Amino acid sequence: MARPKSKPELLQLSQENFNKLNTYIDSLSSNVQKAKFPKGTLNRNIRDVLAHLYHWHLM
């Protein structure tokens, strides 16, 4: 998809990508969802990634 050129297009694309992310996370096993990331990464697990995304979108 081309870059959004209006606020409604941006919101639509954001919602589509959010849905893709949720679908991907739901497809992972419970053990993988709860697994810790390798040391040296900014985030420790999927929950940290989602928290960062949430707070980024609040800005």
N, C-alpha and C. Protein backbone atom coordinates (compact mmCIF):
# COMPACT_ATOMS: atom_id res chain seq x y z
N MET A 1 0.84 -1.18 0.00
CA MET A 1 0.00 0.00 0.00
C MET A 1 0.88 1.24 0.00
N ALA A 2 0.45 2.24 -0.74
CA ALA A 2 1.17 3.50 -0.79
C ALA A 2 1.08 4.21 0.56
N ARG A 3 1.93 5.18 0.75
CA ARG A 3 1.90 5.95 2.00
C ARG A 3 0.56 6.66 2.13
N PRO A 4 0.03 6.69 3.34
CA PRO A 4 -1.23 7.42 3.56
C PRO A 4 -1.05 8.91 3.29
N LYS A 5 -2.06 9.51 2.68
CA LYS A 5 -1.99 10.93 2.35
C LYS A 5 -3.01 11.75 3.11
N SER A 6 -3.76 11.09 3.98
CA SER A 6 -4.75 11.80 4.78
C SER A 6 -4.86 11.09 6.14
N LYS A 7 -5.45 11.78 7.08
CA LYS A 7 -5.61 11.19 8.41
C LYS A 7 -6.46 9.93 8.37
N PRO A 8 -7.60 9.93 7.65
CA PRO A 8 -8.39 8.68 7.59
C PRO A 8 -7.61 7.51 7.00
N GLU A 9 -6.79 7.77 5.97
CA GLU A 9 -5.98 6.70 5.38
C GLU A 9 -4.94 6.20 6.39
N LEU A 10 -4.34 7.11 7.13
CA LEU A 10 -3.36 6.73 8.14
C LEU A 10 -4.01 5.89 9.24
N LEU A 11 -5.18 6.30 9.69
CA LEU A 11 -5.89 5.54 10.72
C LEU A 11 -6.28 4.16 10.22
N GLN A 12 -6.71 4.08 8.97
CA GLN A 12 -7.09 2.79 8.40
C GLN A 12 -5.87 1.86 8.32
N LEU A 13 -4.76 2.39 7.83
CA LEU A 13 -3.55 1.58 7.72
C LEU A 13 -3.06 1.14 9.10
N SER A 14 -3.14 2.04 10.07
CA SER A 14 -2.74 1.70 11.44
C SER A 14 -3.59 0.56 11.98
N GLN A 15 -4.89 0.63 11.76
CA GLN A 15 -5.79 -0.42 12.24
C GLN A 15 -5.50 -1.75 11.56
N GLU A 16 -5.24 -1.71 10.25
CA GLU A 16 -4.93 -2.94 9.52
C GLU A 16 -3.65 -3.58 10.05
N ASN A 17 -2.63 -2.77 10.29
CA ASN A 17 -1.37 -3.30 10.80
C ASN A 17 -1.51 -3.79 12.23
N PHE A 18 -2.32 -3.12 13.03
CA PHE A 18 -2.60 -3.57 14.40
C PHE A 18 -3.27 -4.94 14.36
N ASN A 19 -4.22 -5.11 13.46
CA ASN A 19 -4.90 -6.40 13.32
C ASN A 19 -3.93 -7.50 12.89
N LYS A 20 -3.02 -7.17 11.96
CA LYS A 20 -2.01 -8.14 11.52
C LYS A 20 -1.11 -8.55 12.69
N LEU A 21 -0.71 -7.58 13.49
CA LEU A 21 0.14 -7.87 14.64
C LEU A 21 -0.58 -8.78 15.62
N ASN A 22 -1.84 -8.48 15.92
CA ASN A 22 -2.60 -9.33 16.85
C ASN A 22 -2.79 -10.73 16.30
N THR A 23 -3.06 -10.84 15.01
CA THR A 23 -3.22 -12.16 14.39
C THR A 23 -1.93 -12.96 14.50
N TYR A 24 -0.80 -12.29 14.25
CA TYR A 24 0.49 -12.97 14.35
C TYR A 24 0.75 -13.44 15.78
N ILE A 25 0.53 -12.57 16.75
CA ILE A 25 0.77 -12.93 18.15
C ILE A 25 -0.15 -14.08 18.56
N ASP A 26 -1.41 -14.04 18.13
CA ASP A 26 -2.35 -15.11 18.45
C ASP A 26 -1.93 -16.45 17.85
N SER A 27 -1.19 -16.40 16.73
CA SER A 27 -0.77 -17.64 16.07
C SER A 27 0.40 -18.31 16.80
N LEU A 28 1.06 -17.58 17.68
CA LEU A 28 2.18 -18.14 18.43
C LEU A 28 1.67 -18.97 19.60
N SER A 29 2.42 -19.99 19.95
CA SER A 29 2.04 -20.80 21.10
C SER A 29 2.16 -19.96 22.37
N SER A 30 1.49 -20.40 23.41
CA SER A 30 1.52 -19.69 24.69
C SER A 30 2.95 -19.60 25.22
N ASN A 31 3.72 -20.67 25.06
CA ASN A 31 5.11 -20.66 25.53
C ASN A 31 5.94 -19.63 24.78
N VAL A 32 5.74 -19.52 23.49
CA VAL A 32 6.49 -18.54 22.70
C VAL A 32 6.06 -17.13 23.08
N GLN A 33 4.77 -16.94 23.31
CA GLN A 33 4.28 -15.62 23.69
C GLN A 33 4.88 -15.15 25.01
N LYS A 34 5.14 -16.08 25.91
CA LYS A 34 5.66 -15.73 27.24
C LYS A 34 7.18 -15.78 27.32
N ALA A 35 7.84 -16.24 26.26
CA ALA A 35 9.29 -16.40 26.28
C ALA A 35 10.00 -15.06 26.37
N LYS A 36 11.16 -15.09 27.01
CA LYS A 36 11.98 -13.89 27.11
C LYS A 36 12.83 -13.76 25.85
N PHE A 37 13.11 -12.52 25.47
CA PHE A 37 13.97 -12.25 24.32
C PHE A 37 15.43 -12.43 24.74
N PRO A 38 16.32 -12.58 23.76
CA PRO A 38 17.75 -12.71 24.10
C PRO A 38 18.26 -11.48 24.84
N LYS A 39 19.25 -11.69 25.69
CA LYS A 39 19.85 -10.57 26.41
C LYS A 39 20.47 -9.60 25.41
N GLY A 40 20.47 -8.34 25.78
CA GLY A 40 21.05 -7.32 24.91
C GLY A 40 20.03 -6.65 24.01
N THR A 41 18.77 -7.08 24.08
CA THR A 41 17.73 -6.43 23.29
C THR A 41 17.00 -5.42 24.17
N LEU A 42 16.43 -4.42 23.55
CA LEU A 42 15.76 -3.35 24.29
C LEU A 42 14.57 -3.89 25.09
N ASN A 43 13.80 -4.75 24.46
CA ASN A 43 12.59 -5.30 25.10
C ASN A 43 12.89 -6.69 25.65
N ARG A 44 12.23 -7.05 26.75
CA ARG A 44 12.46 -8.36 27.36
C ARG A 44 11.51 -9.42 26.84
N ASN A 45 10.34 -9.00 26.33
CA ASN A 45 9.35 -9.97 25.87
C ASN A 45 8.30 -9.25 25.01
N ILE A 46 7.34 -10.00 24.51
CA ILE A 46 6.30 -9.41 23.65
C ILE A 46 5.51 -8.34 24.39
N ARG A 47 5.26 -8.57 25.67
CA ARG A 47 4.52 -7.58 26.46
C ARG A 47 5.23 -6.22 26.45
N ASP A 48 6.56 -6.22 26.56
CA ASP A 48 7.32 -4.97 26.51
C ASP A 48 7.17 -4.28 25.16
N VAL A 49 7.21 -5.06 24.09
CA VAL A 49 7.05 -4.48 22.75
C VAL A 49 5.69 -3.81 22.64
N LEU A 50 4.65 -4.50 23.08
CA LEU A 50 3.30 -3.93 22.99
C LEU A 50 3.16 -2.69 23.87
N ALA A 51 3.79 -2.68 25.03
CA ALA A 51 3.74 -1.49 25.89
C ALA A 51 4.43 -0.31 25.23
N HIS A 52 5.57 -0.56 24.60
CA HIS A 52 6.26 0.53 23.89
C HIS A 52 5.41 1.05 22.74
N LEU A 53 4.79 0.16 21.98
CA LEU A 53 3.93 0.60 20.87
C LEU A 53 2.76 1.42 21.38
N TYR A 54 2.15 0.97 22.46
CA TYR A 54 1.01 1.68 23.03
C TYR A 54 1.41 3.10 23.43
N HIS A 55 2.50 3.22 24.15
CA HIS A 55 2.92 4.55 24.62
C HIS A 55 3.40 5.43 23.47
N TRP A 56 3.99 4.82 22.46
CA TRP A 56 4.40 5.59 21.28
C TRP A 56 3.18 6.21 20.61
N HIS A 57 2.10 5.45 20.53
CA HIS A 57 0.88 5.95 19.87
C HIS A 57 0.16 7.00 20.70
N LEU A 58 0.45 7.08 21.99
CA LEU A 58 -0.14 8.13 22.82
C LEU A 58 0.47 9.49 22.52
N MET A 59 1.69 9.49 22.00
CA MET A 59 2.38 10.76 21.74
C MET A 59 1.76 11.52 20.59
